[in-house]
Amino acid sequence: MKKILSVLFILSLVSFISAQDLNQIEYTQNLDIKKKVLFSDAVTMFVYQLNRKPSTFDKDAKYLLDQGIIKKIYPADKPLRRGTIAYMTVKHLKINDSLMFKITKSERYAFYVCVSYKIMDKDGSENDILSGGELLEIFNSISEFGGEK
């Protein structure tokens, strides 16, 4: 009887997992093994972060542009640099206490903001191209910081 109840409990838990959750799990597993991530990967991850279902790259990037998370739409296949994801992170988290970032709106100072808030590691530069694992670490830090909407 305990075995049957255990199976029923597990099945009931699985039924609560939506298709979006399963797609997000699969996406992040595939992202984790990528040696180099693209701008489109950051767009998709921010769409997930905002609890939205990803659509096409163009629609998702336009949504992030409208939300002020990105300053312009780069090509989907552009390698993702640490400065770009730092800029997106600072805008998403609405961190407004950096005078230099307020003045310049640059990816360089966005990177310094993320380092000062311990969202990113200080090793490297804003020009570094990220791997999937590094991108997932950044999103883990964003979630810990309170960036899930």
C-alpha atoms as a PDB file:
ATOM      1  CA  MET A   1       0.000   0.000   0.000  1.00  0.00           C
ATOM      2  CA  LYS A   2       2.844   2.388   0.851  1.00  0.00           C
ATOM      3  CA  LYS A   3       4.392   1.691  -2.535  1.00  0.00           C
ATOM      4  CA  ILE A   4       1.162   2.548  -4.343  1.00  0.00           C
ATOM      5  CA  LEU A   5       0.749   5.752  -2.319  1.00  0.00           C
ATOM      6  CA  SER A   6       4.333   6.737  -3.079  1.00  0.00           C
ATOM      7  CA  VAL A   7       3.797   6.207  -6.802  1.00  0.00           C
ATOM      8  CA  LEU A   8       0.540   8.198  -6.704  1.00  0.00           C
ATOM      9  CA  PHE A   9       2.266  11.011  -4.814  1.00  0.00           C
ATOM     10  CA  ILE A  10       5.090  11.171  -7.355  1.00  0.00           C
ATOM     11  CA  LEU A  11       2.614  11.119 -10.235  1.00  0.00           C
ATOM     12  CA  SER A  12       0.641  13.947  -8.664  1.00  0.00           C
ATOM     13  CA  LEU A  13       3.822  16.021  -8.296  1.00  0.00           C
ATOM     14  CA  VAL A  14       4.781  15.393 -11.901  1.00  0.00           C
ATOM     15  CA  SER A  15       1.358  16.516 -13.067  1.00  0.00           C
ATOM     16  CA  PHE A  16       1.992  19.955 -11.542  1.00  0.00           C
ATOM     17  CA  ILE A  17       5.046  20.490 -13.723  1.00  0.00           C
ATOM     18  CA  SER A  18       3.980  22.455 -16.768  1.00  0.00           C
ATOM     19  CA  ALA A  19       5.324  22.031 -20.270  1.00  0.00           C
ATOM     20  CA  GLN A  20       7.110  25.386 -19.889  1.00  0.00           C
ATOM     21  CA  ASP A  21       8.932  24.109 -16.822  1.00  0.00           C
ATOM     22  CA  LEU A  22      10.044  21.006 -18.687  1.00  0.00           C
ATOM     23  CA  ASN A  23      11.195  23.116 -21.647  1.00  0.00           C
ATOM     24  CA  GLN A  24      13.090  25.414 -19.294  1.00  0.00           C
ATOM     25  CA  ILE A  25      14.769  22.467 -17.573  1.00  0.00           C
ATOM     26  CA  GLU A  26      15.802  20.979 -20.911  1.00  0.00           C
ATOM     27  CA  TYR A  27      16.997  24.370 -22.178  1.00  0.00           C
ATOM     28  CA  THR A  28      19.186  24.992 -19.125  1.00  0.00           C
ATOM     29  CA  GLN A  29      20.634  21.482 -19.289  1.00  0.00           C
ATOM     30  CA  ASN A  30      21.644  22.090 -22.915  1.00  0.00           C
ATOM     31  CA  LEU A  31      22.935  25.550 -22.057  1.00  0.00           C
ATOM     32  CA  ASP A  32      25.158  24.180 -19.301  1.00  0.00           C
ATOM     33  CA  ILE A  33      27.300  22.231 -21.792  1.00  0.00           C
ATOM     34  CA  LYS A  34      27.764  25.054 -24.315  1.00  0.00           C
ATOM     35  CA  LYS A  35      31.328  26.318 -24.583  1.00  0.00           C
ATOM     36  CA  LYS A  36      30.142  29.676 -25.958  1.00  0.00           C
ATOM     37  CA  VAL A  37      26.734  31.262 -25.464  1.00  0.00           C
ATOM     38  CA  LEU A  38      25.014  33.701 -27.769  1.00  0.00           C
ATOM     39  CA  PHE A  39      22.982  36.858 -27.313  1.00  0.00           C
ATOM     40  CA  SER A  40      19.873  34.791 -28.083  1.00  0.00           C
ATOM     41  CA  ASP A  41      20.675  32.592 -25.057  1.00  0.00           C
ATOM     42  CA  ALA A  42      20.669  35.643 -22.777  1.00  0.00           C
ATOM     43  CA  VAL A  43      17.375  36.807 -24.275  1.00  0.00           C
ATOM     44  CA  THR A  44      15.775  33.410 -23.665  1.00  0.00           C
ATOM     45  CA  MET A  45      17.088  33.226 -20.104  1.00  0.00           C
ATOM     46  CA  PHE A  46      15.736  36.689 -19.260  1.00  0.00           C
ATOM     47  CA  VAL A  47      12.366  35.741 -20.734  1.00  0.00           C
ATOM     48  CA  TYR A  48      12.335  32.715 -18.421  1.00  0.00           C
ATOM     49  CA  GLN A  49      13.516  34.947 -15.544  1.00  0.00           C
ATOM     50  CA  LEU A  50      10.482  37.168 -16.131  1.00  0.00           C
ATOM     51  CA  ASN A  51       8.219  34.085 -15.926  1.00  0.00           C
ATOM     52  CA  ARG A  52       7.235  34.297 -19.569  1.00  0.00           C
ATOM     53  CA  LYS A  53       7.153  31.596 -22.191  1.00  0.00           C
ATOM     54  CA  PRO A  54       9.803  32.194 -24.867  1.00  0.00           C
ATOM     55  CA  SER A  55       8.524  32.976 -28.343  1.00  0.00           C
ATOM     56  CA  THR A  56      10.662  33.869 -31.347  1.00  0.00           C
ATOM     57  CA  PHE A  57      13.975  35.661 -30.842  1.00  0.00           C
ATOM     58  CA  ASP A  58      12.634  38.824 -32.501  1.00  0.00           C
ATOM     59  CA  LYS A  59       9.540  38.987 -30.278  1.00  0.00           C
ATOM     60  CA  ASP A  60      11.479  38.173 -27.119  1.00  0.00           C
ATOM     61  CA  ALA A  61      14.243  40.684 -27.869  1.00  0.00           C
ATOM     62  CA  LYS A  62      11.647  43.370 -28.655  1.00  0.00           C
ATOM     63  CA  TYR A  63       9.931  42.632 -25.329  1.00  0.00           C
ATOM     64  CA  LEU A  64      13.233  43.045 -23.440  1.00  0.00           C
ATOM     65  CA  LEU A  65      13.933  46.250 -25.375  1.00  0.00           C
ATOM     66  CA  ASP A  66      10.494  47.585 -24.410  1.00  0.00           C
ATOM     67  CA  GLN A  67      11.166  46.637 -20.771  1.00  0.00           C
ATOM     68  CA  GLY A  68      14.465  48.550 -20.844  1.00  0.00           C
ATOM     69  CA  ILE A  69      16.546  45.434 -20.156  1.00  0.00           C
ATOM     70  CA  ILE A  70      18.487  45.721 -23.405  1.00  0.00           C
ATOM     71  CA  LYS A  71      19.579  48.945 -25.075  1.00  0.00           C
ATOM     72  CA  LYS A  72      19.546  47.521 -28.585  1.00  0.00           C
ATOM     73  CA  ILE A  73      18.882  44.249 -30.341  1.00  0.00           C
ATOM     74  CA  TYR A  74      22.081  42.512 -31.329  1.00  0.00           C
ATOM     75  CA  PRO A  75      22.138  39.661 -33.856  1.00  0.00           C
ATOM     76  CA  ALA A  76      20.890  36.430 -32.276  1.00  0.00           C
ATOM     77  CA  ASP A  77      24.144  34.636 -33.105  1.00  0.00           C
ATOM     78  CA  LYS A  78      26.453  37.280 -31.600  1.00  0.00           C
ATOM     79  CA  PRO A  79      28.676  35.719 -28.903  1.00  0.00           C
ATOM     80  CA  LEU A  80      27.545  36.910 -25.475  1.00  0.00           C
ATOM     81  CA  ARG A  81      30.053  39.055 -23.654  1.00  0.00           C
ATOM     82  CA  ARG A  82      30.201  39.549 -19.915  1.00  0.00           C
ATOM     83  CA  GLY A  83      29.536  43.286 -20.316  1.00  0.00           C
ATOM     84  CA  THR A  84      26.347  42.693 -22.278  1.00  0.00           C
ATOM     85  CA  ILE A  85      24.882  40.348 -19.685  1.00  0.00           C
ATOM     86  CA  ALA A  86      26.036  42.754 -16.946  1.00  0.00           C
ATOM     87  CA  TYR A  87      24.138  45.605 -18.600  1.00  0.00           C
ATOM     88  CA  MET A  88      21.024  43.446 -18.912  1.00  0.00           C
ATOM     89  CA  THR A  89      21.372  42.374 -15.288  1.00  0.00           C
ATOM     90  CA  VAL A  90      21.737  45.908 -13.899  1.00  0.00           C
ATOM     91  CA  LYS A  91      18.698  47.067 -15.866  1.00  0.00           C
ATOM     92  CA  HIS A  92      16.640  44.008 -14.900  1.00  0.00           C
ATOM     93  CA  LEU A  93      17.450  44.364 -11.201  1.00  0.00           C
ATOM     94  CA  LYS A  94      16.964  48.141 -11.382  1.00  0.00           C
ATOM     95  CA  ILE A  95      20.254  48.872  -9.630  1.00  0.00           C
ATOM     96  CA  ASN A  96      20.454  52.659  -9.712  1.00  0.00           C
ATOM     97  CA  ASP A  97      23.177  53.594  -7.248  1.00  0.00           C
ATOM     98  CA  SER A  98      26.193  53.673  -9.571  1.00  0.00           C
ATOM     99  CA  LEU A  99      26.985  57.211 -10.643  1.00  0.00           C
ATOM    100  CA  MET A 100      29.369  56.115 -13.416  1.00  0.00           C
ATOM    101  CA  PHE A 101      26.814  53.695 -14.855  1.00  0.00           C
ATOM    102  CA  LYS A 102      24.122  56.389 -14.719  1.00  0.00           C
ATOM    103  CA  ILE A 103      26.405  58.760 -16.626  1.00  0.00           C
ATOM    104  CA  THR A 104      27.873  56.376 -19.197  1.00  0.00           C
ATOM    105  CA  LYS A 105      25.253  53.582 -19.498  1.00  0.00           C
ATOM    106  CA  SER A 106      28.228  51.468 -20.569  1.00  0.00           C
ATOM    107  CA  GLU A 107      28.703  47.727 -20.342  1.00  0.00           C
ATOM    108  CA  ARG A 108      32.056  48.328 -18.634  1.00  0.00           C
ATOM    109  CA  TYR A 109      30.455  50.091 -15.669  1.00  0.00           C
ATOM    110  CA  ALA A 110      27.560  47.627 -15.622  1.00  0.00           C
ATOM    111  CA  PHE A 111      30.197  44.919 -15.150  1.00  0.00           C
ATOM    112  CA  TYR A 112      31.720  46.862 -12.226  1.00  0.00           C
ATOM    113  CA  VAL A 113      28.249  47.183 -10.677  1.00  0.00           C
ATOM    114  CA  CYS A 114      27.687  43.433 -10.953  1.00  0.00           C
ATOM    115  CA  VAL A 115      31.079  42.756  -9.381  1.00  0.00           C
ATOM    116  CA  SER A 116      30.381  45.156  -6.512  1.00  0.00           C
ATOM    117  CA  TYR A 117      27.061  43.401  -5.818  1.00  0.00           C
ATOM    118  CA  LYS A 118      28.771  39.989  -6.087  1.00  0.00           C
ATOM    119  CA  ILE A 119      26.536  38.993  -8.988  1.00  0.00           C
ATOM    120  CA  MET A 120      29.659  38.376 -11.068  1.00  0.00           C
ATOM    121  CA  ASP A 121      33.205  37.392 -10.202  1.00  0.00           C
ATOM    122  CA  LYS A 122      35.840  40.112 -10.582  1.00  0.00           C
ATOM    123  CA  ASP A 123      38.106  37.830 -12.611  1.00  0.00           C
ATOM    124  CA  GLY A 124      38.056  38.685 -16.298  1.00  0.00           C
ATOM    125  CA  SER A 125      36.700  41.675 -18.144  1.00  0.00           C
ATOM    126  CA  GLU A 126      33.526  42.937 -19.716  1.00  0.00           C
ATOM    127  CA  ASN A 127      34.824  41.717 -23.076  1.00  0.00           C
ATOM    128  CA  ASP A 128      35.039  38.027 -22.101  1.00  0.00           C
ATOM    129  CA  ILE A 129      32.772  35.656 -24.031  1.00  0.00           C
ATOM    130  CA  LEU A 130      30.741  33.493 -21.669  1.00  0.00           C
ATOM    131  CA  SER A 131      30.185  29.749 -21.530  1.00  0.00           C
ATOM    132  CA  GLY A 132      26.831  28.213 -20.693  1.00  0.00           C
ATOM    133  CA  GLY A 133      27.949  27.324 -17.194  1.00  0.00           C
ATOM    134  CA  GLU A 134      29.058  30.902 -16.534  1.00  0.00           C
ATOM    135  CA  LEU A 135      25.730  32.247 -17.785  1.00  0.00           C
ATOM    136  CA  LEU A 136      23.830  29.881 -15.502  1.00  0.00           C
ATOM    137  CA  GLU A 137      25.975  30.993 -12.543  1.00  0.00           C
ATOM    138  CA  ILE A 138      25.064  34.611 -13.275  1.00  0.00           C
ATOM    139  CA  PHE A 139      21.353  33.753 -13.403  1.00  0.00           C
ATOM    140  CA  ASN A 140      21.696  31.907 -10.124  1.00  0.00           C
ATOM    141  CA  SER A 141      23.163  35.089  -8.625  1.00  0.00           C
ATOM    142  CA  ILE A 142      20.348  37.165 -10.147  1.00  0.00           C
ATOM    143  CA  SER A 143      17.774  34.878  -8.522  1.00  0.00           C
ATOM    144  CA  GLU A 144      19.581  35.043  -5.170  1.00  0.00           C
ATOM    145  CA  PHE A 145      19.699  38.836  -5.452  1.00  0.00           C
ATOM    146  CA  GLY A 146      15.940  38.845  -5.850  1.00  0.00           C
ATOM    147  CA  GLY A 147      15.627  39.198  -9.596  1.00  0.00           C
ATOM    148  CA  GLU A 148      12.858  36.694 -10.207  1.00  0.00           C
ATOM    149  CA  LYS A 149       9.714  38.619 -11.086  1.00  0.00           C
END
